[in-house]
């Protein structure tokens, strides 16, 4: 039985793709969105670190702090989708920073 489809447009890499998912399971779309957002953030951060010689871990920590502020500023409610995306972005930044510090011994 089909419950419907959720169309997600992926703009990573400058290409626009449409992906269709069966969203019969009410949690499935959250898991998919979380994983795709996390992976996309990691790719972007990795690319930035590799190509921008002026990028420092402190710069990434500053962005993470801004994300924490956004997370706390939910007075009118973002909704499940935006909460999932923001949670995945924060997790990606935390992971990336921890990995970077482990590599550099900081």
PDB file of N, CA and C in Angstrom:
ATOM      1  N   UNK A   1       0.835  -1.172   0.000  1.00  0.00           N
ATOM      2  CA  UNK A   1       0.000   0.000   0.000  1.00  0.00           C
ATOM      3  C   UNK A   1       0.881   1.236   0.000  1.00  0.00           C
ATOM      4  N   UNK A   2       0.621   2.139  -0.922  1.00  0.00           N
ATOM      5  CA  UNK A   2       1.382   3.383  -0.984  1.00  0.00           C
ATOM      6  C   UNK A   2       0.700   4.427  -0.102  1.00  0.00           C
ATOM      7  N   UNK A   3       1.520   5.135   0.646  1.00  0.00           N
ATOM      8  CA  UNK A   3       1.011   6.192   1.509  1.00  0.00           C
ATOM      9  C   UNK A   3       1.296   7.566   0.935  1.00  0.00           C
ATOM     10  N   UNK A   4       2.044   7.626  -0.125  1.00  0.00           N
ATOM     11  CA  UNK A   4       2.398   8.907  -0.718  1.00  0.00           C
ATOM     12  C   UNK A   4       3.888   8.984  -0.950  1.00  0.00           C
ATOM     13  N   UNK A   5       4.297  10.075  -1.548  1.00  0.00           N
ATOM     14  CA  UNK A   5       5.709  10.264  -1.842  1.00  0.00           C
ATOM     15  C   UNK A   5       6.148  11.642  -1.412  1.00  0.00           C
ATOM     16  N   UNK A   6       7.377  11.695  -1.004  1.00  0.00           N
ATOM     17  CA  UNK A   6       7.997  12.949  -0.637  1.00  0.00           C
ATOM     18  C   UNK A   6       9.074  13.219  -1.673  1.00  0.00           C
ATOM     19  N   UNK A   7       9.014  14.347  -2.346  1.00  0.00           N
ATOM     20  CA  UNK A   7      10.015  14.670  -3.355  1.00  0.00           C
ATOM     21  C   UNK A   7      11.030  15.605  -2.723  1.00  0.00           C
ATOM     22  N   UNK A   8      12.283  15.217  -2.808  1.00  0.00           N
ATOM     23  CA  UNK A   8      13.380  15.967  -2.225  1.00  0.00           C
ATOM     24  C   UNK A   8      14.284  16.415  -3.353  1.00  0.00           C
ATOM     25  N   UNK A   9      14.567  17.702  -3.420  1.00  0.00           N
ATOM     26  CA  UNK A   9      15.461  18.201  -4.453  1.00  0.00           C
ATOM     27  C   UNK A   9      16.843  18.392  -3.845  1.00  0.00           C
ATOM     28  N   UNK A  10      17.814  17.776  -4.459  1.00  0.00           N
ATOM     29  CA  UNK A  10      19.186  17.829  -3.990  1.00  0.00           C
ATOM     30  C   UNK A  10      19.958  18.789  -4.888  1.00  0.00           C
ATOM     31  N   UNK A  11      20.474  19.858  -4.300  1.00  0.00           N
ATOM     32  CA  UNK A  11      21.188  20.848  -5.080  1.00  0.00           C
ATOM     33  C   UNK A  11      22.702  20.726  -4.900  1.00  0.00           C
ATOM     34  N   UNK A  12      23.159  19.659  -4.292  1.00  0.00           N
ATOM     35  CA  UNK A  12      24.593  19.490  -4.057  1.00  0.00           C
ATOM     36  C   UNK A  12      25.325  19.323  -5.381  1.00  0.00           C
ATOM     37  N   UNK A  13      26.502  19.845  -5.425  1.00  0.00           N
ATOM     38  CA  UNK A  13      27.327  19.710  -6.610  1.00  0.00           C
ATOM     39  C   UNK A  13      26.835  20.521  -7.791  1.00  0.00           C
ATOM     40  N   UNK A  14      25.950  21.475  -7.560  1.00  0.00           N
ATOM     41  CA  UNK A  14      25.463  22.329  -8.630  1.00  0.00           C
ATOM     42  C   UNK A  14      24.469  21.664  -9.557  1.00  0.00           C
ATOM     43  N   UNK A  15      24.096  20.451  -9.262  1.00  0.00           N
ATOM     44  CA  UNK A  15      23.137  19.739 -10.105  1.00  0.00           C
ATOM     45  C   UNK A  15      21.826  19.590  -9.353  1.00  0.00           C
ATOM     46  N   UNK A  16      20.757  19.665 -10.071  1.00  0.00           N
ATOM     47  CA  UNK A  16      19.435  19.544  -9.458  1.00  0.00           C
ATOM     48  C   UNK A  16      18.860  18.182  -9.792  1.00  0.00           C
ATOM     49  N   UNK A  17      18.523  17.449  -8.758  1.00  0.00           N
ATOM     50  CA  UNK A  17      17.979  16.101  -8.931  1.00  0.00           C
ATOM     51  C   UNK A  17      16.673  16.006  -8.159  1.00  0.00           C
ATOM     52  N   UNK A  18      15.790  15.212  -8.665  1.00  0.00           N
ATOM     53  CA  UNK A  18      14.582  14.906  -7.914  1.00  0.00           C
ATOM     54  C   UNK A  18      14.671  13.478  -7.431  1.00  0.00           C
ATOM     55  N   UNK A  19      14.396  13.303  -6.161  1.00  0.00           N
ATOM     56  CA  UNK A  19      14.395  11.974  -5.581  1.00  0.00           C
ATOM     57  C   UNK A  19      13.017  11.740  -4.998  1.00  0.00           C
ATOM     58  N   UNK A  20      12.501  10.567  -5.222  1.00  0.00           N
ATOM     59  CA  UNK A  20      11.185  10.239  -4.696  1.00  0.00           C
ATOM     60  C   UNK A  20      11.325   9.137  -3.662  1.00  0.00           C
ATOM     61  N   UNK A  21      10.616   9.309  -2.563  1.00  0.00           N
ATOM     62  CA  UNK A  21      10.638   8.341  -1.483  1.00  0.00           C
ATOM     63  C   UNK A  21       9.220   7.967  -1.112  1.00  0.00           C
ATOM     64  N   UNK A  22       9.044   6.719  -0.802  1.00  0.00           N
ATOM     65  CA  UNK A  22       7.778   6.284  -0.247  1.00  0.00           C
ATOM     66  C   UNK A  22       7.808   6.650   1.231  1.00  0.00           C
ATOM     67  N   UNK A  23       6.874   7.473   1.645  1.00  0.00           N
ATOM     68  CA  UNK A  23       6.873   7.933   3.035  1.00  0.00           C
ATOM     69  C   UNK A  23       5.772   7.243   3.832  1.00  0.00           C
ATOM     70  N   UNK A  24       5.621   5.963   3.594  1.00  0.00           N
ATOM     71  CA  UNK A  24       4.626   5.201   4.331  1.00  0.00           C
ATOM     72  C   UNK A  24       4.956   5.125   5.805  1.00  0.00           C
ATOM     73  N   UNK A  25       6.218   5.055   6.113  1.00  0.00           N
ATOM     74  CA  UNK A  25       6.653   5.030   7.495  1.00  0.00           C
ATOM     75  C   UNK A  25       6.908   6.471   7.910  1.00  0.00           C
ATOM     76  N   UNK A  26       6.221   6.928   8.933  1.00  0.00           N
ATOM     77  CA  UNK A  26       6.311   8.331   9.313  1.00  0.00           C
ATOM     78  C   UNK A  26       7.689   8.731   9.817  1.00  0.00           C
ATOM     79  N   UNK A  27       8.522   7.782  10.165  1.00  0.00           N
ATOM     80  CA  UNK A  27       9.864   8.083  10.642  1.00  0.00           C
ATOM     81  C   UNK A  27      10.876   8.005   9.506  1.00  0.00           C
ATOM     82  N   UNK A  28      10.565   7.251   8.478  1.00  0.00           N
ATOM     83  CA  UNK A  28      11.500   7.038   7.380  1.00  0.00           C
ATOM     84  C   UNK A  28      11.971   8.351   6.758  1.00  0.00           C
ATOM     85  N   UNK A  29      11.083   9.286   6.503  1.00  0.00           N
ATOM     86  CA  UNK A  29      11.472  10.544   5.871  1.00  0.00           C
ATOM     87  C   UNK A  29      12.437  11.328   6.757  1.00  0.00           C
ATOM     88  N   UNK A  30      12.265  11.246   8.071  1.00  0.00           N
ATOM     89  CA  UNK A  30      13.181  11.950   8.981  1.00  0.00           C
ATOM     90  C   UNK A  30      14.583  11.348   8.896  1.00  0.00           C
ATOM     91  N   UNK A  31      14.649  10.024   8.896  1.00  0.00           N
ATOM     92  CA  UNK A  31      15.938   9.343   8.808  1.00  0.00           C
ATOM     93  C   UNK A  31      16.649   9.676   7.502  1.00  0.00           C
ATOM     94  N   UNK A  32      15.920   9.654   6.415  1.00  0.00           N
ATOM     95  CA  UNK A  32      16.497   9.946   5.105  1.00  0.00           C
ATOM     96  C   UNK A  32      16.965  11.397   5.058  1.00  0.00           C
ATOM     97  N   UNK A  33      16.129  12.308   5.495  1.00  0.00           N
ATOM     98  CA  UNK A  33      16.474  13.729   5.496  1.00  0.00           C
ATOM     99  C   UNK A  33      17.690  13.991   6.372  1.00  0.00           C
ATOM    100  N   UNK A  34      17.717  13.387   7.562  1.00  0.00           N
ATOM    101  CA  UNK A  34      18.832  13.573   8.483  1.00  0.00           C
ATOM    102  C   UNK A  34      20.140  13.095   7.843  1.00  0.00           C
ATOM    103  N   UNK A  35      20.135  11.889   7.306  1.00  0.00           N
ATOM    104  CA  UNK A  35      21.353  11.323   6.724  1.00  0.00           C
ATOM    105  C   UNK A  35      21.823  12.140   5.536  1.00  0.00           C
ATOM    106  N   UNK A  36      20.921  12.519   4.651  1.00  0.00           N
ATOM    107  CA  UNK A  36      21.316  13.290   3.472  1.00  0.00           C
ATOM    108  C   UNK A  36      21.857  14.658   3.868  1.00  0.00           C
ATOM    109  N   UNK A  37      21.224  15.304   4.839  1.00  0.00           N
ATOM    110  CA  UNK A  37      21.691  16.613   5.295  1.00  0.00           C
ATOM    111  C   UNK A  37      23.058  16.495   5.951  1.00  0.00           C
ATOM    112  N   UNK A  38      23.225  15.508   6.826  1.00  0.00           N
ATOM    113  CA  UNK A  38      24.512  15.274   7.494  1.00  0.00           C
ATOM    114  C   UNK A  38      25.612  15.046   6.453  1.00  0.00           C
ATOM    115  N   UNK A  39      25.368  14.156   5.512  1.00  0.00           N
ATOM    116  CA  UNK A  39      26.365  13.834   4.486  1.00  0.00           C
ATOM    117  C   UNK A  39      26.700  15.055   3.626  1.00  0.00           C
ATOM    118  N   UNK A  40      25.692  15.832   3.274  1.00  0.00           N
ATOM    119  CA  UNK A  40      25.900  17.029   2.461  1.00  0.00           C
ATOM    120  C   UNK A  40      26.748  18.064   3.208  1.00  0.00           C
ATOM    121  N   UNK A  41      26.487  18.240   4.486  1.00  0.00           N
ATOM    122  CA  UNK A  41      27.271  19.181   5.289  1.00  0.00           C
ATOM    123  C   UNK A  41      28.726  18.730   5.390  1.00  0.00           C
ATOM    124  N   UNK A  42      28.943  17.446   5.630  1.00  0.00           N
ATOM    125  CA  UNK A  42      30.305  16.917   5.725  1.00  0.00           C
ATOM    126  C   UNK A  42      31.046  17.129   4.401  1.00  0.00           C
ATOM    127  N   UNK A  43      30.376  16.862   3.280  1.00  0.00           N
ATOM    128  CA  UNK A  43      31.009  17.082   1.973  1.00  0.00           C
ATOM    129  C   UNK A  43      31.390  18.552   1.796  1.00  0.00           C
ATOM    130  N   UNK A  44      30.482  19.450   2.156  1.00  0.00           N
ATOM    131  CA  UNK A  44      30.747  20.880   2.018  1.00  0.00           C
ATOM    132  C   UNK A  44      31.883  21.350   2.908  1.00  0.00           C
ATOM    133  N   UNK A  45      31.889  20.893   4.153  1.00  0.00           N
ATOM    134  CA  UNK A  45      32.953  21.273   5.080  1.00  0.00           C
ATOM    135  C   UNK A  45      34.306  20.716   4.637  1.00  0.00           C
ATOM    136  N   UNK A  46      34.315  19.494   4.157  1.00  0.00           N
ATOM    137  CA  UNK A  46      35.549  18.873   3.666  1.00  0.00           C
ATOM    138  C   UNK A  46      36.086  19.650   2.469  1.00  0.00           C
ATOM    139  N   UNK A  47      35.189  19.996   1.551  1.00  0.00           N
ATOM    140  CA  UNK A  47      35.579  20.772   0.371  1.00  0.00           C
ATOM    141  C   UNK A  47      36.139  22.133   0.780  1.00  0.00           C
ATOM    142  N   UNK A  48      35.474  22.780   1.724  1.00  0.00           N
ATOM    143  CA  UNK A  48      35.941  24.093   2.180  1.00  0.00           C
ATOM    144  C   UNK A  48      37.333  23.993   2.806  1.00  0.00           C
ATOM    145  N   UNK A  49      37.520  23.009   3.658  1.00  0.00           N
ATOM    146  CA  UNK A  49      38.821  22.856   4.312  1.00  0.00           C
ATOM    147  C   UNK A  49      39.915  22.583   3.282  1.00  0.00           C
ATOM    148  N   UNK A  50      39.597  21.795   2.278  1.00  0.00           N
ATOM    149  CA  UNK A  50      40.581  21.418   1.261  1.00  0.00           C
ATOM    150  C   UNK A  50      40.919  22.585   0.332  1.00  0.00           C
ATOM    151  N   UNK A  51      39.946  23.418  -0.004  1.00  0.00           N
ATOM    152  CA  UNK A  51      40.156  24.450  -1.022  1.00  0.00           C
ATOM    153  C   UNK A  51      40.398  25.856  -0.468  1.00  0.00           C
ATOM    154  N   UNK A  52      40.033  26.111   0.789  1.00  0.00           N
ATOM    155  CA  UNK A  52      40.187  27.445   1.375  1.00  0.00           C
ATOM    156  C   UNK A  52      41.298  27.409   2.416  1.00  0.00           C
ATOM    157  N   UNK A  53      42.469  27.878   2.025  1.00  0.00           N
ATOM    158  CA  UNK A  53      43.628  27.814   2.923  1.00  0.00           C
ATOM    159  C   UNK A  53      43.473  28.723   4.142  1.00  0.00           C
ATOM    160  N   UNK A  54      42.574  29.686   4.076  1.00  0.00           N
ATOM    161  CA  UNK A  54      42.379  30.583   5.223  1.00  0.00           C
ATOM    162  C   UNK A  54      41.381  30.024   6.240  1.00  0.00           C
ATOM    163  N   UNK A  55      40.732  28.927   5.906  1.00  0.00           N
ATOM    164  CA  UNK A  55      39.732  28.322   6.795  1.00  0.00           C
ATOM    165  C   UNK A  55      40.422  27.657   7.980  1.00  0.00           C
ATOM    166  N   UNK A  56      39.983  28.031   9.157  1.00  0.00           N
ATOM    167  CA  UNK A  56      40.526  27.464  10.393  1.00  0.00           C
ATOM    168  C   UNK A  56      39.413  26.777  11.165  1.00  0.00           C
ATOM    169  N   UNK A  57      39.779  25.895  12.073  1.00  0.00           N
ATOM    170  CA  UNK A  57      38.790  25.196  12.884  1.00  0.00           C
ATOM    171  C   UNK A  57      37.944  26.204  13.675  1.00  0.00           C
ATOM    172  N   UNK A  58      38.538  27.326  14.053  1.00  0.00           N
ATOM    173  CA  UNK A  58      37.805  28.361  14.787  1.00  0.00           C
ATOM    174  C   UNK A  58      36.673  28.953  13.947  1.00  0.00           C
ATOM    175  N   UNK A  59      36.887  29.033  12.630  1.00  0.00           N
ATOM    176  CA  UNK A  59      35.833  29.523  11.736  1.00  0.00           C
ATOM    177  C   UNK A  59      34.634  28.577  11.755  1.00  0.00           C
ATOM    178  N   UNK A  60      34.921  27.293  11.699  1.00  0.00           N
ATOM    179  CA  UNK A  60      33.869  26.284  11.703  1.00  0.00           C
ATOM    180  C   UNK A  60      33.160  26.272  13.058  1.00  0.00           C
ATOM    181  N   UNK A  61      33.924  26.458  14.140  1.00  0.00           N
ATOM    182  CA  UNK A  61      33.316  26.539  15.471  1.00  0.00           C
ATOM    183  C   UNK A  61      32.399  27.745  15.582  1.00  0.00           C
ATOM    184  N   UNK A  62      32.747  28.839  14.944  1.00  0.00           N
ATOM    185  CA  UNK A  62      31.883  30.024  14.938  1.00  0.00           C
ATOM    186  C   UNK A  62      30.551  29.746  14.259  1.00  0.00           C
ATOM    187  N   UNK A  63      30.591  29.025  13.152  1.00  0.00           N
ATOM    188  CA  UNK A  63      29.352  28.655  12.461  1.00  0.00           C
ATOM    189  C   UNK A  63      28.532  27.723  13.337  1.00  0.00           C
ATOM    190  N   UNK A  64      29.202  26.775  13.999  1.00  0.00           N
ATOM    191  CA  UNK A  64      28.496  25.866  14.899  1.00  0.00           C
ATOM    192  C   UNK A  64      27.803  26.645  16.014  1.00  0.00           C
ATOM    193  N   UNK A  65      28.471  27.628  16.574  1.00  0.00           N
ATOM    194  CA  UNK A  65      27.832  28.452  17.609  1.00  0.00           C
ATOM    195  C   UNK A  65      26.595  29.158  17.084  1.00  0.00           C
ATOM    196  N   UNK A  66      26.646  29.622  15.845  1.00  0.00           N
ATOM    197  CA  UNK A  66      25.467  30.239  15.225  1.00  0.00           C
ATOM    198  C   UNK A  66      24.323  29.233  15.076  1.00  0.00           C
ATOM    199  N   UNK A  67      24.673  28.000  14.740  1.00  0.00           N
ATOM    200  CA  UNK A  67      23.656  26.950  14.623  1.00  0.00           C
ATOM    201  C   UNK A  67      23.019  26.661  15.983  1.00  0.00           C
ATOM    202  N   UNK A  68      23.837  26.672  17.054  1.00  0.00           N
ATOM    203  CA  UNK A  68      23.289  26.487  18.395  1.00  0.00           C
ATOM    204  C   UNK A  68      22.298  27.606  18.732  1.00  0.00           C
ATOM    205  N   UNK A  69      22.618  28.817  18.342  1.00  0.00           N
ATOM    206  CA  UNK A  69      21.716  29.953  18.594  1.00  0.00           C
ATOM    207  C   UNK A  69      20.421  29.764  17.817  1.00  0.00           C
ATOM    208  N   UNK A  70      20.544  29.353  16.556  1.00  0.00           N
ATOM    209  CA  UNK A  70      19.339  29.099  15.750  1.00  0.00           C
ATOM    210  C   UNK A  70      18.475  28.020  16.384  1.00  0.00           C
ATOM    211  N   UNK A  71      19.130  26.989  16.923  1.00  0.00           N
ATOM    212  CA  UNK A  71      18.394  25.890  17.552  1.00  0.00           C
ATOM    213  C   UNK A  71      17.585  26.392  18.744  1.00  0.00           C
ATOM    214  N   UNK A  72      18.155  27.307  19.509  1.00  0.00           N
ATOM    215  CA  UNK A  72      17.477  27.836  20.684  1.00  0.00           C
ATOM    216  C   UNK A  72      16.435  28.896  20.374  1.00  0.00           C
ATOM    217  N   UNK A  73      16.474  29.449  19.175  1.00  0.00           N
ATOM    218  CA  UNK A  73      15.559  30.526  18.801  1.00  0.00           C
ATOM    219  C   UNK A  73      14.347  29.981  18.045  1.00  0.00           C
ATOM    220  N   UNK A  74      13.658  29.072  18.645  1.00  0.00           N
ATOM    221  CA  UNK A  74      12.510  28.422  17.996  1.00  0.00           C
ATOM    222  C   UNK A  74      11.218  28.815  18.700  1.00  0.00           C
ATOM    223  N   UNK A  75      10.953  30.107  18.766  1.00  0.00           N
ATOM    224  CA  UNK A  75       9.793  30.589  19.512  1.00  0.00           C
ATOM    225  C   UNK A  75       8.473  30.259  18.829  1.00  0.00           C
ATOM    226  N   UNK A  76       8.449  30.323  17.504  1.00  0.00           N
ATOM    227  CA  UNK A  76       7.181  30.068  16.817  1.00  0.00           C
ATOM    228  C   UNK A  76       7.098  28.664  16.235  1.00  0.00           C
ATOM    229  N   UNK A  77       8.182  27.931  16.324  1.00  0.00           N
ATOM    230  CA  UNK A  77       8.181  26.541  15.861  1.00  0.00           C
ATOM    231  C   UNK A  77       8.604  26.407  14.420  1.00  0.00           C
ATOM    232  N   UNK A  78       9.613  25.612  14.205  1.00  0.00           N
ATOM    233  CA  UNK A  78      10.118  25.377  12.853  1.00  0.00           C
ATOM    234  C   UNK A  78       9.376  24.248  12.166  1.00  0.00           C
ATOM    235  N   UNK A  79       8.939  23.314  12.933  1.00  0.00           N
ATOM    236  CA  UNK A  79       8.328  22.126  12.361  1.00  0.00           C
ATOM    237  C   UNK A  79       9.322  20.988  12.309  1.00  0.00           C
ATOM    238  N   UNK A  80       8.826  19.807  12.110  1.00  0.00           N
ATOM    239  CA  UNK A  80       9.646  18.592  12.143  1.00  0.00           C
ATOM    240  C   UNK A  80      10.736  18.577  11.092  1.00  0.00           C
ATOM    241  N   UNK A  81      10.432  19.018   9.887  1.00  0.00           N
ATOM    242  CA  UNK A  81      11.415  18.988   8.807  1.00  0.00           C
ATOM    243  C   UNK A  81      12.608  19.872   9.140  1.00  0.00           C
ATOM    244  N   UNK A  82      12.361  21.118   9.483  1.00  0.00           N
ATOM    245  CA  UNK A  82      13.460  22.038   9.778  1.00  0.00           C
ATOM    246  C   UNK A  82      14.211  21.640  11.042  1.00  0.00           C
ATOM    247  N   UNK A  83      13.528  21.091  12.021  1.00  0.00           N
ATOM    248  CA  UNK A  83      14.209  20.586  13.222  1.00  0.00           C
ATOM    249  C   UNK A  83      15.160  19.450  12.864  1.00  0.00           C
ATOM    250  N   UNK A  84      14.725  18.572  11.989  1.00  0.00           N
ATOM    251  CA  UNK A  84      15.556  17.444  11.554  1.00  0.00           C
ATOM    252  C   UNK A  84      16.781  17.944  10.807  1.00  0.00           C
ATOM    253  N   UNK A  85      16.585  18.895   9.909  1.00  0.00           N
ATOM    254  CA  UNK A  85      17.691  19.455   9.130  1.00  0.00           C
ATOM    255  C   UNK A  85      18.694  20.153  10.044  1.00  0.00           C
ATOM    256  N   UNK A  86      18.200  20.968  10.973  1.00  0.00           N
ATOM    257  CA  UNK A  86      19.090  21.688  11.873  1.00  0.00           C
ATOM    258  C   UNK A  86      19.859  20.728  12.777  1.00  0.00           C
ATOM    259  N   UNK A  87      19.208  19.698  13.268  1.00  0.00           N
ATOM    260  CA  UNK A  87      19.881  18.697  14.101  1.00  0.00           C
ATOM    261  C   UNK A  87      20.995  18.000  13.325  1.00  0.00           C
ATOM    262  N   UNK A  88      20.735  17.674  12.076  1.00  0.00           N
ATOM    263  CA  UNK A  88      21.745  17.015  11.247  1.00  0.00           C
ATOM    264  C   UNK A  88      22.916  17.949  10.957  1.00  0.00           C
ATOM    265  N   UNK A  89      22.625  19.219  10.708  1.00  0.00           N
ATOM    266  CA  UNK A  89      23.700  20.183  10.459  1.00  0.00           C
ATOM    267  C   UNK A  89      24.585  20.333  11.690  1.00  0.00           C
ATOM    268  N   UNK A  90      23.977  20.449  12.865  1.00  0.00           N
ATOM    269  CA  UNK A  90      24.744  20.580  14.103  1.00  0.00           C
ATOM    270  C   UNK A  90      25.609  19.343  14.325  1.00  0.00           C
ATOM    271  N   UNK A  91      25.027  18.181  14.147  1.00  0.00           N
ATOM    272  CA  UNK A  91      25.787  16.937  14.327  1.00  0.00           C
ATOM    273  C   UNK A  91      26.960  16.867  13.356  1.00  0.00           C
ATOM    274  N   UNK A  92      26.757  17.296  12.127  1.00  0.00           N
ATOM    275  CA  UNK A  92      27.831  17.266  11.130  1.00  0.00           C
ATOM    276  C   UNK A  92      28.960  18.210  11.527  1.00  0.00           C
ATOM    277  N   UNK A  93      28.619  19.406  11.966  1.00  0.00           N
ATOM    278  CA  UNK A  93      29.641  20.362  12.393  1.00  0.00           C
ATOM    279  C   UNK A  93      30.399  19.835  13.607  1.00  0.00           C
ATOM    280  N   UNK A  94      29.688  19.285  14.576  1.00  0.00           N
ATOM    281  CA  UNK A  94      30.347  18.729  15.764  1.00  0.00           C
ATOM    282  C   UNK A  94      31.299  17.601  15.367  1.00  0.00           C
ATOM    283  N   UNK A  95      30.837  16.729  14.500  1.00  0.00           N
ATOM    284  CA  UNK A  95      31.658  15.603  14.040  1.00  0.00           C
ATOM    285  C   UNK A  95      32.891  16.109  13.292  1.00  0.00           C
ATOM    286  N   UNK A  96      32.688  17.051  12.387  1.00  0.00           N
ATOM    287  CA  UNK A  96      33.784  17.570  11.572  1.00  0.00           C
ATOM    288  C   UNK A  96      34.838  18.249  12.439  1.00  0.00           C
ATOM    289  N   UNK A  97      34.400  19.048  13.398  1.00  0.00           N
ATOM    290  CA  UNK A  97      35.328  19.740  14.296  1.00  0.00           C
ATOM    291  C   UNK A  97      36.112  18.731  15.132  1.00  0.00           C
ATOM    292  N   UNK A  98      35.431  17.744  15.688  1.00  0.00           N
ATOM    293  CA  UNK A  98      36.111  16.724  16.496  1.00  0.00           C
ATOM    294  C   UNK A  98      37.138  15.969  15.659  1.00  0.00           C
ATOM    295  N   UNK A  99      36.782  15.638  14.437  1.00  0.00           N
ATOM    296  CA  UNK A  99      37.688  14.919  13.537  1.00  0.00           C
ATOM    297  C   UNK A  99      38.906  15.781  13.194  1.00  0.00           C
ATOM    298  N   UNK A 100      38.667  17.064  12.901  1.00  0.00           N
ATOM    299  CA  UNK A 100      39.742  17.985  12.548  1.00  0.00           C
ATOM    300  C   UNK A 100      40.715  18.122  13.726  1.00  0.00           C
ATOM    301  N   UNK A 101      40.165  18.298  14.935  1.00  0.00           N
ATOM    302  CA  UNK A 101      41.006  18.439  16.122  1.00  0.00           C
ATOM    303  C   UNK A 101      41.797  17.158  16.405  1.00  0.00           C
ATOM    304  N   UNK A 102      41.188  16.018  16.167  1.00  0.00           N
ATOM    305  CA  UNK A 102      41.890  14.748  16.382  1.00  0.00           C
ATOM    306  C   UNK A 102      43.054  14.610  15.399  1.00  0.00           C
ATOM    307  N   UNK A 103      42.859  15.053  14.167  1.00  0.00           N
ATOM    308  CA  UNK A 103      43.921  14.983  13.158  1.00  0.00           C
ATOM    309  C   UNK A 103      45.090  15.905  13.480  1.00  0.00           C
ATOM    310  N   UNK A 104      44.773  17.067  14.028  1.00  0.00           N
ATOM    311  CA  UNK A 104      45.816  18.065  14.288  1.00  0.00           C
ATOM    312  C   UNK A 104      46.345  17.988  15.708  1.00  0.00           C
ATOM    313  N   UNK A 105      45.746  17.159  16.539  1.00  0.00           N
ATOM    314  CA  UNK A 105      46.198  16.994  17.911  1.00  0.00           C
ATOM    315  C   UNK A 105      45.837  18.140  18.835  1.00  0.00           C
ATOM    316  N   UNK A 106      44.816  18.901  18.464  1.00  0.00           N
ATOM    317  CA  UNK A 106      44.381  20.033  19.302  1.00  0.00           C
ATOM    318  C   UNK A 106      43.395  19.604  20.354  1.00  0.00           C
TER     319      UNK A 106
END
